Amino acid sequence: MRVAILAHEGFPDRAKTAVGLLRYADDEVAAVLDRTRAGERVRDHVPDVQDAPIVEGIDDVETSIDALVVGIAPIGGGFDETWRPDVRGALERGADVVAGLHYFLGDDAEFADLAAEHDCEIRDLRRPPEDLTVSDGTASEVDAEVVLTVGTDCSSGKMTTTFELAEAAREWGVDAGVVPTGQTGIAIEGYGIAVDRVVSDFAAGAVERMVTERAADFDVLFVEGQGAVGHPAYSGVTTSILHGAMPDRLVLCHVAGRDAVHGYEHVSIPPPGEYAALYESLAEPVAPAEVVAGALNTQRLDEDAAAADAVEAYADAIDAPATDPVRFDASEILPAVLGEE
């Protein structure tokens, strides 16, 4: 499928979905829409993903596309009205529109009418199934091994680490699958439930359902974590995923040098070793799981040597092997993650 990705004024640092699609999805990206970077190219900013031109708007996408994907989500998941001409233009071209916002584009009267008129589809990735239930507490009974990525903050590398580990495991011949719990992972996999949109009573049940479904198809499941248990806004979804998935092992994700919650700088992040113990203690009453490895985002460190030193210090802090799965190699922690150490 050929897609254009909307990332106005956010590419690449505030367009996690856009970067995730460029790195992991099978789709061909025809263009990225960012009015502040028009005329540049993706690899001017993110060198290790597929390349594409950056254009000002949908009218500047010169090739046909199958879909426009909204590749950015502001805090709160709202819709920015400056995006309306691009969404309108995509629908008028007969392209589907895919969005992971809390604002459902399919409920927007203008967009719904255009989709019907031009025989295309609006897919709101955060719209949950209507038949969700509370958890039965049975995810620990599945045959597959379950590994959950957890973090010390939002945007700490949980989604990236999940996909990097799954890819590394497949290269080792492991039948590995991903359980996406957020809009970016769902866009990449074409499957999943956005847990942060689920009624809180049903959130653990939604994760349990996905783990049970995917365990029938894979030997190892990598479950994408969300938020952080110490986050003042998003700890609820983190806990629901932890208890709903009932993982066998945990991988703790952290950003090098970050000592306060992003956007909530008055909230300090505990030392990584304490954070690992916090996750383990929270898992214990429901389904015990240990932090067996760490993933450190060293993107802000310029030199590989400094990044390697930071990874080594992080491994010492959590008393487990660690790596930066993008800068270095996810396979460095794979034996521990797969329970082979």
C-alpha atoms as a PDB file:
ATOM      1  CA  MET A   1       0.000   0.000   0.000  1.00  0.00           C
ATOM      2  CA  ARG A   2       1.235   3.507  -0.820  1.00  0.00           C
ATOM      3  CA  VAL A   3       0.570   6.113   1.868  1.00  0.00           C
ATOM      4  CA  ALA A   4       1.201   9.740   2.725  1.00  0.00           C
ATOM      5  CA  ILE A   5       1.824  10.620   6.376  1.00  0.00           C
ATOM      6  CA  LEU A   6       0.569  13.820   7.975  1.00  0.00           C
ATOM      7  CA  ALA A   7       3.074  15.188  10.499  1.00  0.00           C
ATOM      8  CA  HIS A   8       2.637  18.961  10.392  1.00  0.00           C
ATOM      9  CA  GLU A   9       5.078  20.904  12.547  1.00  0.00           C
ATOM     10  CA  GLY A  10       6.087  17.727  14.352  1.00  0.00           C
ATOM     11  CA  PHE A  11       8.464  15.713  12.195  1.00  0.00           C
ATOM     12  CA  PRO A  12      10.406  13.897  13.417  1.00  0.00           C
ATOM     13  CA  ASP A  13      10.595  14.483  17.177  1.00  0.00           C
ATOM     14  CA  ARG A  14       6.868  14.880  17.866  1.00  0.00           C
ATOM     15  CA  ALA A  15       5.620  12.507  15.174  1.00  0.00           C
ATOM     16  CA  LYS A  16       6.177   9.096  16.765  1.00  0.00           C
ATOM     17  CA  THR A  17       3.594   7.402  14.579  1.00  0.00           C
ATOM     18  CA  ALA A  18       5.164   8.790  11.417  1.00  0.00           C
ATOM     19  CA  VAL A  19       8.634   7.576  12.382  1.00  0.00           C
ATOM     20  CA  GLY A  20       7.274   4.199  13.453  1.00  0.00           C
ATOM     21  CA  LEU A  21       5.589   3.672  10.092  1.00  0.00           C
ATOM     22  CA  LEU A  22       8.700   4.744   8.219  1.00  0.00           C
ATOM     23  CA  ARG A  23      10.831   2.313  10.206  1.00  0.00           C
ATOM     24  CA  TYR A  24       8.635  -0.765  10.617  1.00  0.00           C
ATOM     25  CA  ALA A  25       5.607  -0.768   8.314  1.00  0.00           C
ATOM     26  CA  ASP A  26       5.495  -2.587   4.996  1.00  0.00           C
ATOM     27  CA  ASP A  27       3.766   0.369   3.342  1.00  0.00           C
ATOM     28  CA  GLU A  28       5.518   2.500   0.731  1.00  0.00           C
ATOM     29  CA  VAL A  29       5.571   6.097   1.963  1.00  0.00           C
ATOM     30  CA  ALA A  30       4.992   8.480  -0.945  1.00  0.00           C
ATOM     31  CA  ALA A  31       5.455  11.658   1.122  1.00  0.00           C
ATOM     32  CA  VAL A  32       5.442  13.147   4.592  1.00  0.00           C
ATOM     33  CA  LEU A  33       3.331  16.264   5.082  1.00  0.00           C
ATOM     34  CA  ASP A  34       5.030  18.886   7.269  1.00  0.00           C
ATOM     35  CA  ARG A  35       4.567  22.501   6.245  1.00  0.00           C
ATOM     36  CA  THR A  36       7.583  23.604   8.296  1.00  0.00           C
ATOM     37  CA  ARG A  37       9.992  21.231   6.506  1.00  0.00           C
ATOM     38  CA  ALA A  38       8.621  21.271   2.958  1.00  0.00           C
ATOM     39  CA  GLY A  39      11.340  20.688   0.374  1.00  0.00           C
ATOM     40  CA  GLU A  40      13.429  18.513   2.691  1.00  0.00           C
ATOM     41  CA  ARG A  41      13.566  14.714   2.831  1.00  0.00           C
ATOM     42  CA  VAL A  42      12.931  12.179   5.559  1.00  0.00           C
ATOM     43  CA  ARG A  43      16.569  11.055   5.660  1.00  0.00           C
ATOM     44  CA  ASP A  44      17.699  14.603   6.330  1.00  0.00           C
ATOM     45  CA  HIS A  45      16.330  13.953   9.826  1.00  0.00           C
ATOM     46  CA  VAL A  46      16.008  10.172  10.323  1.00  0.00           C
ATOM     47  CA  PRO A  47      18.749   8.409   8.350  1.00  0.00           C
ATOM     48  CA  ASP A  48      17.914   4.786   9.148  1.00  0.00           C
ATOM     49  CA  VAL A  49      14.367   4.553   7.709  1.00  0.00           C
ATOM     50  CA  GLN A  50      12.876   4.523   4.235  1.00  0.00           C
ATOM     51  CA  ASP A  51      13.245   7.861   2.483  1.00  0.00           C
ATOM     52  CA  ALA A  52      10.483  10.099   1.153  1.00  0.00           C
ATOM     53  CA  PRO A  53      10.015  13.747   0.204  1.00  0.00           C
ATOM     54  CA  ILE A  54       8.572  16.164   2.768  1.00  0.00           C
ATOM     55  CA  VAL A  55       5.865  18.346   1.237  1.00  0.00           C
ATOM     56  CA  GLU A  56       3.636  21.182   2.372  1.00  0.00           C
ATOM     57  CA  GLY A  57       0.266  19.515   1.929  1.00  0.00           C
ATOM     58  CA  ILE A  58      -1.777  16.810   0.263  1.00  0.00           C
ATOM     59  CA  ASP A  59      -1.966  18.768  -3.004  1.00  0.00           C
ATOM     60  CA  ASP A  60       1.821  18.474  -3.277  1.00  0.00           C
ATOM     61  CA  VAL A  61       1.802  14.655  -3.188  1.00  0.00           C
ATOM     62  CA  GLU A  62       2.512  13.940  -6.828  1.00  0.00           C
ATOM     63  CA  THR A  63       1.808  10.200  -6.938  1.00  0.00           C
ATOM     64  CA  SER A  64      -1.398   8.318  -6.245  1.00  0.00           C
ATOM     65  CA  ILE A  65      -1.868   7.094  -2.682  1.00  0.00           C
ATOM     66  CA  ASP A  66      -4.066   4.488  -1.086  1.00  0.00           C
ATOM     67  CA  ALA A  67      -4.290   6.237   2.268  1.00  0.00           C
ATOM     68  CA  LEU A  68      -3.386   9.308   4.286  1.00  0.00           C
ATOM     69  CA  VAL A  69      -2.183   8.381   7.779  1.00  0.00           C
ATOM     70  CA  VAL A  70      -2.275  10.948  10.564  1.00  0.00           C
ATOM     71  CA  GLY A  71       1.215  10.432  11.949  1.00  0.00           C
ATOM     72  CA  ILE A  72       1.097  12.801  14.882  1.00  0.00           C
ATOM     73  CA  ALA A  73      -1.027  12.883  18.031  1.00  0.00           C
ATOM     74  CA  PRO A  74      -1.022  15.943  20.296  1.00  0.00           C
ATOM     75  CA  ILE A  75      -1.384  15.483  24.053  1.00  0.00           C
ATOM     76  CA  GLY A  76      -5.008  14.519  24.522  1.00  0.00           C
ATOM     77  CA  GLY A  77      -5.324  13.184  20.982  1.00  0.00           C
ATOM     78  CA  GLY A  78      -7.289  16.106  19.604  1.00  0.00           C
ATOM     79  CA  PHE A  79      -7.747  17.106  15.966  1.00  0.00           C
ATOM     80  CA  ASP A  80      -5.969  20.237  14.751  1.00  0.00           C
ATOM     81  CA  GLU A  81      -8.280  22.132  12.395  1.00  0.00           C
ATOM     82  CA  THR A  82      -5.299  23.160  10.250  1.00  0.00           C
ATOM     83  CA  TRP A  83      -5.188  19.482   9.161  1.00  0.00           C
ATOM     84  CA  ARG A  84      -8.720  19.606   7.727  1.00  0.00           C
ATOM     85  CA  PRO A  85      -7.724  20.609   4.164  1.00  0.00           C
ATOM     86  CA  ASP A  86      -5.302  17.676   3.954  1.00  0.00           C
ATOM     87  CA  VAL A  87      -7.838  15.146   5.225  1.00  0.00           C
ATOM     88  CA  ARG A  88     -10.472  16.614   2.935  1.00  0.00           C
ATOM     89  CA  GLY A  89      -8.090  16.516  -0.020  1.00  0.00           C
ATOM     90  CA  ALA A  90      -7.137  12.892   0.609  1.00  0.00           C
ATOM     91  CA  LEU A  91     -10.773  11.799   0.727  1.00  0.00           C
ATOM     92  CA  GLU A  92     -11.554  13.752  -2.436  1.00  0.00           C
ATOM     93  CA  ARG A  93      -8.767  11.786  -4.149  1.00  0.00           C
ATOM     94  CA  GLY A  94     -10.443   8.564  -3.082  1.00  0.00           C
ATOM     95  CA  ALA A  95      -7.779   7.724  -0.496  1.00  0.00           C
ATOM     96  CA  ASP A  96      -8.622   6.146   2.836  1.00  0.00           C
ATOM     97  CA  VAL A  97      -7.767   8.102   5.981  1.00  0.00           C
ATOM     98  CA  VAL A  98      -6.205   6.374   8.985  1.00  0.00           C
ATOM     99  CA  ALA A  99      -5.957   8.187  12.320  1.00  0.00           C
ATOM    100  CA  GLY A 100      -5.021   7.295  15.880  1.00  0.00           C
ATOM    101  CA  LEU A 101      -6.604  10.297  17.566  1.00  0.00           C
ATOM    102  CA  HIS A 102      -9.089  10.381  20.416  1.00  0.00           C
ATOM    103  CA  TYR A 103     -11.125  12.592  18.067  1.00  0.00           C
ATOM    104  CA  PHE A 104     -12.756  10.089  15.714  1.00  0.00           C
ATOM    105  CA  LEU A 105     -12.605  11.351  12.140  1.00  0.00           C
ATOM    106  CA  GLY A 106     -15.343   8.911  11.167  1.00  0.00           C
ATOM    107  CA  ASP A 107     -17.742  10.865  13.394  1.00  0.00           C
ATOM    108  CA  ASP A 108     -16.923  14.145  11.645  1.00  0.00           C
ATOM    109  CA  ALA A 109     -19.891  14.885   9.380  1.00  0.00           C
ATOM    110  CA  GLU A 110     -17.834  16.473   6.590  1.00  0.00           C
ATOM    111  CA  PHE A 111     -15.334  13.642   6.466  1.00  0.00           C
ATOM    112  CA  ALA A 112     -17.991  10.933   6.700  1.00  0.00           C
ATOM    113  CA  ASP A 113     -19.906  12.473   3.769  1.00  0.00           C
ATOM    114  CA  LEU A 114     -16.740  12.757   1.656  1.00  0.00           C
ATOM    115  CA  ALA A 115     -15.775   9.149   2.390  1.00  0.00           C
ATOM    116  CA  ALA A 116     -19.192   7.958   1.304  1.00  0.00           C
ATOM    117  CA  GLU A 117     -19.145  10.150  -1.814  1.00  0.00           C
ATOM    118  CA  HIS A 118     -15.698   8.972  -2.938  1.00  0.00           C
ATOM    119  CA  ASP A 119     -16.058   5.334  -1.843  1.00  0.00           C
ATOM    120  CA  CYS A 120     -13.212   5.329   0.647  1.00  0.00           C
ATOM    121  CA  GLU A 121     -12.820   4.421   4.302  1.00  0.00           C
ATOM    122  CA  ILE A 122     -11.980   6.256   7.500  1.00  0.00           C
ATOM    123  CA  ARG A 123     -10.216   4.030  10.037  1.00  0.00           C
ATOM    124  CA  ASP A 124     -10.048   5.387  13.584  1.00  0.00           C
ATOM    125  CA  LEU A 125      -7.393   3.211  15.182  1.00  0.00           C
ATOM    126  CA  ARG A 126      -8.320   4.200  18.720  1.00  0.00           C
ATOM    127  CA  ARG A 127     -11.963   3.146  18.386  1.00  0.00           C
ATOM    128  CA  PRO A 128     -12.267   0.102  20.680  1.00  0.00           C
ATOM    129  CA  PRO A 129     -14.369  -2.993  20.041  1.00  0.00           C
ATOM    130  CA  GLU A 130     -17.849  -2.822  21.544  1.00  0.00           C
ATOM    131  CA  ASP A 131     -17.799  -6.266  23.181  1.00  0.00           C
ATOM    132  CA  LEU A 132     -14.919  -5.873  25.643  1.00  0.00           C
ATOM    133  CA  THR A 133     -15.214  -7.349  29.127  1.00  0.00           C
ATOM    134  CA  VAL A 134     -13.304  -7.380  32.383  1.00  0.00           C
ATOM    135  CA  SER A 135     -10.233  -9.612  32.596  1.00  0.00           C
ATOM    136  CA  ASP A 136     -10.677 -13.255  33.582  1.00  0.00           C
ATOM    137  CA  GLY A 137      -7.106 -13.354  34.890  1.00  0.00           C
ATOM    138  CA  THR A 138      -6.145 -16.142  32.489  1.00  0.00           C
ATOM    139  CA  ALA A 139      -3.378 -14.686  30.279  1.00  0.00           C
ATOM    140  CA  SER A 140      -0.761 -16.625  32.247  1.00  0.00           C
ATOM    141  CA  GLU A 141      -2.293 -19.854  30.937  1.00  0.00           C
ATOM    142  CA  VAL A 142      -1.376 -19.277  27.271  1.00  0.00           C
ATOM    143  CA  ASP A 143       1.249 -21.516  25.685  1.00  0.00           C
ATOM    144  CA  ALA A 144       3.319 -18.619  24.284  1.00  0.00           C
ATOM    145  CA  GLU A 145       6.056 -16.888  26.249  1.00  0.00           C
ATOM    146  CA  VAL A 146       4.993 -13.296  26.933  1.00  0.00           C
ATOM    147  CA  VAL A 147       7.455 -10.391  27.161  1.00  0.00           C
ATOM    148  CA  LEU A 148       6.231  -6.899  28.062  1.00  0.00           C
ATOM    149  CA  THR A 149       8.116  -3.649  27.496  1.00  0.00           C
ATOM    150  CA  VAL A 150       7.660  -1.191  30.351  1.00  0.00           C
ATOM    151  CA  GLY A 151       9.068   2.292  30.780  1.00  0.00           C
ATOM    152  CA  THR A 152      10.186   4.986  33.153  1.00  0.00           C
ATOM    153  CA  ASP A 153       8.213   7.576  31.159  1.00  0.00           C
ATOM    154  CA  CYS A 154       6.111   8.030  28.051  1.00  0.00           C
ATOM    155  CA  SER A 155       8.060   8.077  24.784  1.00  0.00           C
ATOM    156  CA  SER A 156      10.874   6.091  26.330  1.00  0.00           C
ATOM    157  CA  GLY A 157      11.165   3.505  23.541  1.00  0.00           C
ATOM    158  CA  LYS A 158       8.618   0.832  24.433  1.00  0.00           C
ATOM    159  CA  MET A 159       7.071   0.566  20.974  1.00  0.00           C
ATOM    160  CA  THR A 160      10.458   0.690  19.247  1.00  0.00           C
ATOM    161  CA  THR A 161      11.943  -1.908  21.574  1.00  0.00           C
ATOM    162  CA  THR A 162       8.934  -4.185  21.073  1.00  0.00           C
ATOM    163  CA  PHE A 163       9.334  -4.211  17.296  1.00  0.00           C
ATOM    164  CA  GLU A 164      13.130  -4.423  17.401  1.00  0.00           C
ATOM    165  CA  LEU A 165      12.996  -7.427  19.728  1.00  0.00           C
ATOM    166  CA  ALA A 166      10.363  -9.156  17.616  1.00  0.00           C
ATOM    167  CA  GLU A 167      12.439  -8.627  14.478  1.00  0.00           C
ATOM    168  CA  ALA A 168      15.613  -9.864  16.178  1.00  0.00           C
ATOM    169  CA  ALA A 169      13.802 -12.939  17.484  1.00  0.00           C
ATOM    170  CA  ARG A 170      12.515 -13.786  14.010  1.00  0.00           C
ATOM    171  CA  GLU A 171      16.045 -13.518  12.657  1.00  0.00           C
ATOM    172  CA  TRP A 172      17.012 -16.121  15.263  1.00  0.00           C
ATOM    173  CA  GLY A 173      14.276 -18.410  13.945  1.00  0.00           C
ATOM    174  CA  VAL A 174      11.810 -17.722  16.754  1.00  0.00           C
ATOM    175  CA  ASP A 175       8.120 -17.620  15.845  1.00  0.00           C
ATOM    176  CA  ALA A 176       7.543 -14.178  17.366  1.00  0.00           C
ATOM    177  CA  GLY A 177       4.555 -11.870  17.238  1.00  0.00           C
ATOM    178  CA  VAL A 178       3.679  -8.388  18.476  1.00  0.00           C
ATOM    179  CA  VAL A 179       0.696  -7.358  20.597  1.00  0.00           C
ATOM    180  CA  PRO A 180       0.142  -3.659  19.796  1.00  0.00           C
ATOM    181  CA  THR A 181      -1.574  -1.582  22.460  1.00  0.00           C
ATOM    182  CA  GLY A 182      -1.259   1.897  20.921  1.00  0.00           C
ATOM    183  CA  GLN A 183      -2.150   3.609  17.687  1.00  0.00           C
ATOM    184  CA  THR A 184       1.314   3.408  16.126  1.00  0.00           C
ATOM    185  CA  GLY A 185       1.694  -0.308  16.706  1.00  0.00           C
ATOM    186  CA  ILE A 186      -1.833  -0.895  15.419  1.00  0.00           C
ATOM    187  CA  ALA A 187      -1.069   1.092  12.257  1.00  0.00           C
ATOM    188  CA  ILE A 188       2.047  -1.020  11.661  1.00  0.00           C
ATOM    189  CA  GLU A 189       0.505  -4.407  12.445  1.00  0.00           C
ATOM    190  CA  GLY A 190      -3.005  -3.839  11.134  1.00  0.00           C
ATOM    191  CA  TYR A 191      -4.228  -5.347  14.412  1.00  0.00           C
ATOM    192  CA  GLY A 192      -4.651  -4.365  18.026  1.00  0.00           C
ATOM    193  CA  ILE A 193      -6.638  -2.399  20.572  1.00  0.00           C
ATOM    194  CA  ALA A 194      -5.627   1.069  21.751  1.00  0.00           C
ATOM    195  CA  VAL A 195      -5.800   0.439  25.485  1.00  0.00           C
ATOM    196  CA  ASP A 196      -5.805   4.113  26.426  1.00  0.00           C
ATOM    197  CA  ARG A 197      -9.231   4.476  24.783  1.00  0.00           C
ATOM    198  CA  VAL A 198     -10.814   1.510  26.560  1.00  0.00           C
ATOM    199  CA  VAL A 199     -13.135   1.953  29.562  1.00  0.00           C
ATOM    200  CA  SER A 200     -10.893   1.407  32.568  1.00  0.00           C
ATOM    201  CA  ASP A 201     -12.797  -1.652  33.849  1.00  0.00           C
ATOM    202  CA  PHE A 202     -12.197  -3.385  30.511  1.00  0.00           C
ATOM    203  CA  ALA A 203      -8.593  -2.339  29.831  1.00  0.00           C
ATOM    204  CA  ALA A 204      -6.906  -5.404  31.342  1.00  0.00           C
ATOM    205  CA  GLY A 205      -9.492  -7.566  29.615  1.00  0.00           C
ATOM    206  CA  ALA A 206      -8.653  -6.000  26.250  1.00  0.00           C
ATOM    207  CA  VAL A 207      -4.982  -6.889  26.728  1.00  0.00           C
ATOM    208  CA  GLU A 208      -5.863 -10.389  27.902  1.00  0.00           C
ATOM    209  CA  ARG A 209      -7.984 -10.870  24.769  1.00  0.00           C
ATOM    210  CA  MET A 210      -5.136  -9.848  22.468  1.00  0.00           C
ATOM    211  CA  VAL A 211      -2.592 -12.042  24.265  1.00  0.00           C
ATOM    212  CA  THR A 212      -4.948 -15.015  24.082  1.00  0.00           C
ATOM    213  CA  GLU A 213      -5.691 -14.451  20.394  1.00  0.00           C
ATOM    214  CA  ARG A 214      -2.083 -14.016  19.344  1.00  0.00           C
ATOM    215  CA  ALA A 215      -0.782 -16.844  21.510  1.00  0.00           C
ATOM    216  CA  ALA A 216      -2.595 -19.224  19.180  1.00  0.00           C
ATOM    217  CA  ASP A 217      -0.358 -18.084  16.309  1.00  0.00           C
ATOM    218  CA  PHE A 218       3.067 -17.444  17.886  1.00  0.00           C
ATOM    219  CA  ASP A 219       5.514 -19.052  20.288  1.00  0.00           C
ATOM    220  CA  VAL A 220       6.719 -15.738  21.774  1.00  0.00           C
ATOM    221  CA  LEU A 221       4.685 -12.556  22.136  1.00  0.00           C
ATOM    222  CA  PHE A 222       6.188  -9.116  22.580  1.00  0.00           C
ATOM    223  CA  VAL A 223       3.557  -6.896  24.180  1.00  0.00           C
ATOM    224  CA  GLU A 224       3.896  -3.162  23.603  1.00  0.00           C
ATOM    225  CA  GLY A 225       3.738  -1.232  26.861  1.00  0.00           C
ATOM    226  CA  GLN A 226       2.238   2.224  27.324  1.00  0.00           C
ATOM    227  CA  GLY A 227       2.940   5.089  29.693  1.00  0.00           C
ATOM    228  CA  ALA A 228       4.771   4.451  32.954  1.00  0.00           C
ATOM    229  CA  VAL A 229       3.618   3.296  36.346  1.00  0.00           C
ATOM    230  CA  GLY A 230       4.998   6.464  37.934  1.00  0.00           C
ATOM    231  CA  HIS A 231       3.436   8.826  35.385  1.00  0.00           C
ATOM    232  CA  PRO A 232       0.935  11.243  36.945  1.00  0.00           C
ATOM    233  CA  ALA A 233      -1.417  11.034  33.956  1.00  0.00           C
ATOM    234  CA  TYR A 234      -0.979   7.620  32.331  1.00  0.00           C
ATOM    235  CA  SER A 235      -0.199   5.136  35.106  1.00  0.00           C
ATOM    236  CA  GLY A 236      -3.638   3.552  34.810  1.00  0.00           C
ATOM    237  CA  VAL A 237      -3.135   2.190  31.314  1.00  0.00           C
ATOM    238  CA  THR A 238       0.348   0.957  32.292  1.00  0.00           C
ATOM    239  CA  THR A 239      -1.022  -1.078  35.172  1.00  0.00           C
ATOM    240  CA  SER A 240      -3.867  -2.487  33.069  1.00  0.00           C
ATOM    241  CA  ILE A 241      -1.409  -3.770  30.480  1.00  0.00           C
ATOM    242  CA  LEU A 242       0.890  -5.250  33.124  1.00  0.00           C
ATOM    243  CA  HIS A 243      -1.907  -7.146  34.851  1.00  0.00           C
ATOM    244  CA  GLY A 244      -3.847  -8.012  31.715  1.00  0.00           C
ATOM    245  CA  ALA A 245      -0.851  -9.455  29.865  1.00  0.00           C
ATOM    246  CA  MET A 246       0.529 -11.398  32.866  1.00  0.00           C
ATOM    247  CA  PRO A 247       3.981 -11.411  31.211  1.00  0.00           C
ATOM    248  CA  ASP A 248       6.725 -13.920  31.906  1.00  0.00           C
ATOM    249  CA  ARG A 249       9.442 -11.260  31.671  1.00  0.00           C
ATOM    250  CA  LEU A 250       9.791  -7.463  31.527  1.00  0.00           C
ATOM    251  CA  VAL A 251      12.128  -5.165  29.564  1.00  0.00           C
ATOM    252  CA  LEU A 252      12.592  -1.729  31.139  1.00  0.00           C
ATOM    253  CA  CYS A 253      12.913   1.190  28.697  1.00  0.00           C
ATOM    254  CA  HIS A 254      14.494   4.502  29.659  1.00  0.00           C
ATOM    255  CA  VAL A 255      15.822   7.666  27.994  1.00  0.00           C
ATOM    256  CA  ALA A 256      19.460   8.444  28.750  1.00  0.00           C
ATOM    257  CA  GLY A 257      19.777  11.545  30.892  1.00  0.00           C
ATOM    258  CA  ARG A 258      16.041  11.934  31.579  1.00  0.00           C
ATOM    259  CA  ASP A 259      15.451  12.399  35.306  1.00  0.00           C
ATOM    260  CA  ALA A 260      11.976  13.962  35.287  1.00  0.00           C
ATOM    261  CA  VAL A 261       8.709  13.020  33.603  1.00  0.00           C
ATOM    262  CA  HIS A 262       8.482  14.750  30.212  1.00  0.00           C
ATOM    263  CA  GLY A 263       5.867  17.491  30.386  1.00  0.00           C
ATOM    264  CA  TYR A 264       5.623  17.072  34.165  1.00  0.00           C
ATOM    265  CA  GLU A 265       9.084  18.203  35.132  1.00  0.00           C
ATOM    266  CA  HIS A 266       8.056  18.645  38.765  1.00  0.00           C
ATOM    267  CA  VAL A 267       7.757  14.825  38.950  1.00  0.00           C
ATOM    268  CA  SER A 268      11.132  13.110  39.326  1.00  0.00           C
ATOM    269  CA  ILE A 269      11.876   9.718  37.774  1.00  0.00           C
ATOM    270  CA  PRO A 270      13.250   7.307  40.398  1.00  0.00           C
ATOM    271  CA  PRO A 271      16.626   5.683  39.689  1.00  0.00           C
ATOM    272  CA  PRO A 272      16.295   2.836  37.139  1.00  0.00           C
ATOM    273  CA  GLY A 273      17.026   0.121  39.693  1.00  0.00           C
ATOM    274  CA  GLU A 274      14.240   1.380  41.940  1.00  0.00           C
ATOM    275  CA  TYR A 275      11.901   1.620  38.958  1.00  0.00           C
ATOM    276  CA  ALA A 276      12.623  -1.995  37.994  1.00  0.00           C
ATOM    277  CA  ALA A 277      11.799  -3.094  41.529  1.00  0.00           C
ATOM    278  CA  LEU A 278       8.589  -1.049  41.404  1.00  0.00           C
ATOM    279  CA  TYR A 279       7.363  -2.918  38.313  1.00  0.00           C
ATOM    280  CA  GLU A 280       8.287  -6.261  39.824  1.00  0.00           C
ATOM    281  CA  SER A 281       6.441  -5.499  43.053  1.00  0.00           C
ATOM    282  CA  LEU A 282       3.366  -4.346  41.128  1.00  0.00           C
ATOM    283  CA  ALA A 283       3.344  -7.531  39.038  1.00  0.00           C
ATOM    284  CA  GLU A 284       3.910  -9.842  42.003  1.00  0.00           C
ATOM    285  CA  PRO A 285       0.354 -10.198  43.391  1.00  0.00           C
ATOM    286  CA  VAL A 286      -1.170 -10.989  39.971  1.00  0.00           C
ATOM    287  CA  ALA A 287       1.560 -12.773  38.002  1.00  0.00           C
ATOM    288  CA  PRO A 288       5.218 -12.439  39.107  1.00  0.00           C
ATOM    289  CA  ALA A 289       7.629 -11.149  36.464  1.00  0.00           C
ATOM    290  CA  GLU A 290      11.192  -9.863  36.627  1.00  0.00           C
ATOM    291  CA  VAL A 291      12.936  -7.101  34.694  1.00  0.00           C
ATOM    292  CA  VAL A 292      15.397  -9.273  32.766  1.00  0.00           C
ATOM    293  CA  ALA A 293      16.803  -6.632  30.391  1.00  0.00           C
ATOM    294  CA  GLY A 294      16.899  -2.943  29.643  1.00  0.00           C
ATOM    295  CA  ALA A 295      16.558  -0.773  26.549  1.00  0.00           C
ATOM    296  CA  LEU A 296      18.159   2.663  26.727  1.00  0.00           C
ATOM    297  CA  ASN A 297      17.295   5.402  24.242  1.00  0.00           C
ATOM    298  CA  THR A 298      20.623   7.165  23.585  1.00  0.00           C
ATOM    299  CA  GLN A 299      19.391   9.291  20.692  1.00  0.00           C
ATOM    300  CA  ARG A 300      20.463  12.525  22.388  1.00  0.00           C
ATOM    301  CA  LEU A 301      24.070  11.359  22.765  1.00  0.00           C
ATOM    302  CA  ASP A 302      26.186  12.252  19.753  1.00  0.00           C
ATOM    303  CA  GLU A 303      29.051   9.812  20.152  1.00  0.00           C
ATOM    304  CA  ASP A 304      28.745   6.021  20.067  1.00  0.00           C
ATOM    305  CA  ALA A 305      31.338   5.723  22.816  1.00  0.00           C
ATOM    306  CA  ALA A 306      29.304   7.914  25.148  1.00  0.00           C
ATOM    307  CA  ALA A 307      26.187   5.918  24.271  1.00  0.00           C
ATOM    308  CA  ALA A 308      27.973   2.647  25.015  1.00  0.00           C
ATOM    309  CA  ASP A 309      29.106   3.993  28.383  1.00  0.00           C
ATOM    310  CA  ALA A 310      25.542   5.069  29.175  1.00  0.00           C
ATOM    311  CA  VAL A 311      24.203   1.618  28.267  1.00  0.00           C
ATOM    312  CA  GLU A 312      26.801  -0.047  30.494  1.00  0.00           C
ATOM    313  CA  ALA A 313      25.877   2.198  33.418  1.00  0.00           C
ATOM    314  CA  TYR A 314      22.184   1.504  32.833  1.00  0.00           C
ATOM    315  CA  ALA A 315      22.796  -2.253  32.812  1.00  0.00           C
ATOM    316  CA  ASP A 316      24.625  -1.942  36.127  1.00  0.00           C
ATOM    317  CA  ALA A 317      21.779   0.124  37.575  1.00  0.00           C
ATOM    318  CA  ILE A 318      19.097  -2.452  36.767  1.00  0.00           C
ATOM    319  CA  ASP A 319      21.393  -5.458  37.277  1.00  0.00           C
ATOM    320  CA  ALA A 320      20.476  -6.886  33.862  1.00  0.00           C
ATOM    321  CA  PRO A 321      21.854  -6.786  30.303  1.00  0.00           C
ATOM    322  CA  ALA A 322      20.978  -3.670  28.323  1.00  0.00           C
ATOM    323  CA  THR A 323      21.344  -2.139  24.884  1.00  0.00           C
ATOM    324  CA  ASP A 324      20.082   0.655  22.683  1.00  0.00           C
ATOM    325  CA  PRO A 325      18.082  -1.517  20.234  1.00  0.00           C
ATOM    326  CA  VAL A 326      18.236   1.064  17.432  1.00  0.00           C
ATOM    327  CA  ARG A 327      21.770   2.381  17.807  1.00  0.00           C
ATOM    328  CA  PHE A 328      23.301  -0.978  18.648  1.00  0.00           C
ATOM    329  CA  ASP A 329      21.537  -4.354  18.411  1.00  0.00           C
ATOM    330  CA  ALA A 330      18.438  -5.750  20.063  1.00  0.00           C
ATOM    331  CA  SER A 331      19.911  -9.250  19.824  1.00  0.00           C
ATOM    332  CA  GLU A 332      22.383  -8.289  22.569  1.00  0.00           C
ATOM    333  CA  ILE A 333      19.617  -8.711  25.155  1.00  0.00           C
ATOM    334  CA  LEU A 334      17.630 -11.401  23.349  1.00  0.00           C
ATOM    335  CA  PRO A 335      18.968 -14.409  25.326  1.00  0.00           C
ATOM    336  CA  ALA A 336      17.826 -12.828  28.588  1.00  0.00           C
ATOM    337  CA  VAL A 337      14.529 -11.737  27.067  1.00  0.00           C
ATOM    338  CA  LEU A 338      13.827 -15.243  25.800  1.00  0.00           C
ATOM    339  CA  GLY A 339      14.752 -16.787  29.149  1.00  0.00           C
ATOM    340  CA  GLU A 340      17.870 -18.491  27.804  1.00  0.00           C
ATOM    341  CA  GLU A 341      20.294 -16.993  30.335  1.00  0.00           C
END
